[in-house]
């Protein structure tokens, strides 16, 4: 019977020149070279404190680095500003008056109101158009062909990160004016509220 006894790998002291930081989790690691394959692999390095002596770092060939990436920083939202809600108030019952009022509303709308307007137009797209970020049906509802990809992506990102960021607000403010007729129709049809 051939039995193999596993002996723990020996710890050894590492020079500071051999230390590096993991790109994902920023822990100290030492790169080892496999005797079998010749490939490099990371192992953890640990601090060893000896009170009278300086700090030493030790590692072992079997202390495989188990990387737990640090959480990625979320993109910053717009700086906090007092939210002043714009008011949609058409001057008359005509379509032209309602469209002028909607464009004026979009000029003054806050970020949450612009996000609601974007969502109202996105929801008017067909399910296929929403899934593929395109305009495939010529039904005069939803995004135009040139805006479908960018505005769908911004809508999905705004939903995921719960807000519009930086230049997205200016872009949405500018682009939504094109959809003022649909926004008025959605408002009258109770598809969204301001």
Protein backbone atom coordinates (compact mmCIF):
# COMPACT_ATOMS: atom_id res chain seq x y z
CA UNK A 1 0.00 0.00 0.00
CA UNK A 2 1.46 3.29 -1.10
CA UNK A 3 0.41 6.12 1.20
CA UNK A 4 1.49 9.67 0.78
CA UNK A 5 1.87 11.92 3.76
CA UNK A 6 0.99 15.56 3.14
CA UNK A 7 3.25 17.94 4.97
CA UNK A 8 2.19 21.57 5.30
CA UNK A 9 4.23 23.90 3.15
CA UNK A 10 6.75 25.94 5.02
CA UNK A 11 6.25 29.62 5.66
CA UNK A 12 9.04 31.86 4.53
CA UNK A 13 9.88 35.53 4.83
CA UNK A 14 9.30 37.72 1.81
CA UNK A 15 11.26 40.79 0.75
CA UNK A 16 9.19 43.92 0.37
CA UNK A 17 10.24 44.02 -3.30
CA UNK A 18 8.34 40.75 -3.87
CA UNK A 19 5.06 42.14 -2.49
CA UNK A 20 2.36 43.58 -4.68
CA UNK A 21 -1.28 44.54 -4.28
CA UNK A 22 -4.20 42.66 -5.82
CA UNK A 23 -5.91 44.87 -8.41
CA UNK A 24 -9.38 43.80 -7.30
CA UNK A 25 -9.28 43.67 -3.51
CA UNK A 26 -6.06 45.61 -2.73
CA UNK A 27 -4.70 42.86 -0.41
CA UNK A 28 -0.98 42.10 -0.23
CA UNK A 29 0.00 39.18 -2.45
CA UNK A 30 3.16 37.39 -3.58
CA UNK A 31 3.42 35.79 -7.01
CA UNK A 32 4.59 32.16 -6.94
CA UNK A 33 5.75 30.02 -9.86
CA UNK A 34 4.29 26.53 -10.11
CA UNK A 35 6.91 23.75 -10.19
CA UNK A 36 4.62 21.59 -12.33
CA UNK A 37 3.31 24.01 -14.98
CA UNK A 38 5.64 26.97 -14.69
CA UNK A 39 2.67 29.37 -14.50
CA UNK A 40 2.43 32.17 -11.96
CA UNK A 41 -0.24 32.25 -9.27
CA UNK A 42 -0.90 34.63 -6.37
CA UNK A 43 -0.62 33.72 -2.70
CA UNK A 44 -1.54 35.80 0.32
CA UNK A 45 1.14 37.60 2.31
CA UNK A 46 0.65 38.09 6.03
CA UNK A 47 2.26 40.52 8.42
CA UNK A 48 4.29 39.01 11.20
CA UNK A 49 4.94 41.31 14.11
CA UNK A 50 7.96 40.75 16.32
CA UNK A 51 7.97 43.51 18.95
CA UNK A 52 11.69 44.34 18.98
CA UNK A 53 12.25 43.49 15.29
CA UNK A 54 10.74 45.33 12.30
CA UNK A 55 7.59 44.07 10.61
CA UNK A 56 8.13 41.04 8.37
CA UNK A 57 5.87 39.56 5.71
CA UNK A 58 5.52 35.80 5.35
CA UNK A 59 3.84 33.58 2.79
CA UNK A 60 3.54 29.94 1.85
CA UNK A 61 3.08 28.22 -1.51
CA UNK A 62 -0.28 26.87 -0.30
CA UNK A 63 -1.82 30.16 0.86
CA UNK A 64 -3.73 30.63 -2.37
CA UNK A 65 -5.12 34.11 -2.78
CA UNK A 66 -8.90 34.09 -2.51
CA UNK A 67 -9.84 37.40 -4.03
CA UNK A 68 -13.02 39.07 -2.88
CA UNK A 69 -13.29 42.17 -5.06
CA UNK A 70 -14.07 45.43 -3.33
CA UNK A 71 -17.50 46.81 -4.29
CA UNK A 72 -17.25 49.00 -7.35
CA UNK A 73 -17.96 52.63 -6.63
CA UNK A 74 -21.33 53.77 -7.93
CA UNK A 75 -21.26 56.63 -10.37
CA UNK A 76 -22.06 59.84 -8.55
CA UNK A 77 -25.51 61.28 -8.92
CA UNK A 78 -25.98 64.95 -9.56
CA UNK A 79 -24.98 67.08 -6.60
CA UNK A 80 -27.89 67.50 -4.21
CA UNK A 81 -29.93 70.51 -5.15
CA UNK A 82 -33.24 71.70 -3.86
CA UNK A 83 -35.90 70.09 -5.99
CA UNK A 84 -38.14 72.72 -7.52
CA UNK A 85 -40.91 70.98 -9.36
CA UNK A 86 -41.94 72.46 -12.67
CA UNK A 87 -45.64 72.95 -13.29
CA UNK A 88 -47.43 71.93 -16.48
CA UNK A 89 -50.19 74.46 -17.08
CA UNK A 90 -51.50 74.85 -20.64
CA UNK A 91 -52.93 78.28 -21.46
CA UNK A 92 -55.80 76.86 -23.47
CA UNK A 93 -57.48 73.68 -24.71
CA UNK A 94 -55.76 73.66 -28.13
CA UNK A 95 -53.07 71.12 -29.00
CA UNK A 96 -50.61 73.92 -29.79
CA UNK A 97 -51.10 75.47 -26.33
CA UNK A 98 -50.62 72.09 -24.66
CA UNK A 99 -47.45 71.41 -26.67
CA UNK A 100 -46.02 74.86 -25.80
CA UNK A 101 -46.84 74.26 -22.13
CA UNK A 102 -45.16 70.82 -22.26
CA UNK A 103 -41.99 72.25 -23.85
CA UNK A 104 -41.93 75.00 -21.21
CA UNK A 105 -42.42 72.35 -18.52
CA UNK A 106 -39.49 70.31 -19.87
CA UNK A 107 -37.25 73.42 -19.81
CA UNK A 108 -37.84 73.79 -16.07
CA UNK A 109 -38.35 70.13 -15.06
CA UNK A 110 -36.29 68.60 -12.27
CA UNK A 111 -34.30 65.39 -12.72
CA UNK A 112 -37.05 63.12 -11.29
CA UNK A 113 -39.64 64.75 -13.57
CA UNK A 114 -37.40 64.25 -16.62
CA UNK A 115 -36.90 60.63 -15.62
CA UNK A 116 -40.69 60.19 -15.43
CA UNK A 117 -41.06 61.73 -18.89
CA UNK A 118 -38.39 59.40 -20.27
CA UNK A 119 -40.14 56.43 -18.66
CA UNK A 120 -43.49 57.47 -20.14
CA UNK A 121 -42.07 57.42 -23.68
CA UNK A 122 -40.09 54.23 -23.04
CA UNK A 123 -43.28 52.48 -21.86
CA UNK A 124 -45.01 53.43 -25.11
CA UNK A 125 -42.47 51.33 -27.05
CA UNK A 126 -43.48 47.76 -27.91
CA UNK A 127 -41.94 44.98 -25.78
CA UNK A 128 -39.69 43.94 -28.67
CA UNK A 129 -38.46 47.50 -29.15
CA UNK A 130 -37.78 47.81 -25.42
CA UNK A 131 -35.83 44.56 -25.31
CA UNK A 132 -33.66 45.31 -28.36
CA UNK A 133 -33.23 49.12 -27.93
CA UNK A 134 -34.48 49.82 -31.45
CA UNK A 135 -37.55 51.15 -33.20
CA UNK A 136 -38.88 48.43 -35.49
CA UNK A 137 -42.52 49.39 -35.91
CA UNK A 138 -43.53 52.61 -37.66
CA UNK A 139 -46.47 53.49 -35.41
CA UNK A 140 -45.54 57.08 -34.40
CA UNK A 141 -45.38 55.96 -30.78
CA UNK A 142 -42.25 55.70 -28.65
CA UNK A 143 -38.75 56.75 -29.63
CA UNK A 144 -37.63 57.65 -33.13
CA UNK A 145 -35.17 55.35 -34.85
CA UNK A 146 -32.24 57.68 -34.21
CA UNK A 147 -33.03 58.07 -30.49
CA UNK A 148 -34.10 54.52 -29.63
CA UNK A 149 -30.72 53.08 -28.67
CA UNK A 150 -29.34 56.00 -26.64
CA UNK A 151 -32.58 56.86 -24.83
CA UNK A 152 -33.38 53.20 -24.07
CA UNK A 153 -29.90 52.72 -22.61
CA UNK A 154 -30.19 55.90 -20.53
CA UNK A 155 -33.62 54.78 -19.28
CA UNK A 156 -32.28 51.37 -18.24
CA UNK A 157 -29.26 52.92 -16.51
CA UNK A 158 -31.44 55.51 -14.75
CA UNK A 159 -33.71 52.72 -13.53
CA UNK A 160 -30.76 50.62 -12.34
CA UNK A 161 -28.87 53.46 -10.62
CA UNK A 162 -32.03 55.34 -9.57
CA UNK A 163 -31.23 58.62 -11.26
CA UNK A 164 -29.83 60.46 -14.24
CA UNK A 165 -26.22 61.58 -14.18
CA UNK A 166 -24.49 64.73 -15.33
CA UNK A 167 -24.89 65.32 -19.04
CA UNK A 168 -27.74 62.83 -19.28
CA UNK A 169 -30.09 65.41 -17.74
CA UNK A 170 -29.25 67.98 -20.43
CA UNK A 171 -29.58 65.38 -23.19
CA UNK A 172 -32.97 64.16 -21.90
CA UNK A 173 -34.22 67.74 -21.48
CA UNK A 174 -33.28 68.49 -25.11
CA UNK A 175 -34.53 65.20 -26.60
CA UNK A 176 -37.85 65.04 -24.72
CA UNK A 177 -39.06 68.24 -26.42
CA UNK A 178 -39.30 66.20 -29.60
CA UNK A 179 -41.78 63.90 -27.83
CA UNK A 180 -43.99 66.66 -26.34
CA UNK A 181 -47.01 65.52 -28.40
CA UNK A 182 -46.70 61.99 -27.01
CA UNK A 183 -46.13 63.31 -23.49
CA UNK A 184 -49.32 65.38 -23.67
CA UNK A 185 -51.22 62.34 -24.98
CA UNK A 186 -49.74 60.15 -22.21
CA UNK A 187 -50.66 62.77 -19.60
CA UNK A 188 -54.23 62.99 -20.87
CA UNK A 189 -54.46 59.20 -21.10
CA UNK A 190 -53.28 58.94 -17.46
CA UNK A 191 -50.19 56.90 -18.53
CA UNK A 192 -48.04 59.14 -16.37
CA UNK A 193 -48.47 62.06 -14.01
CA UNK A 194 -46.36 65.11 -13.35
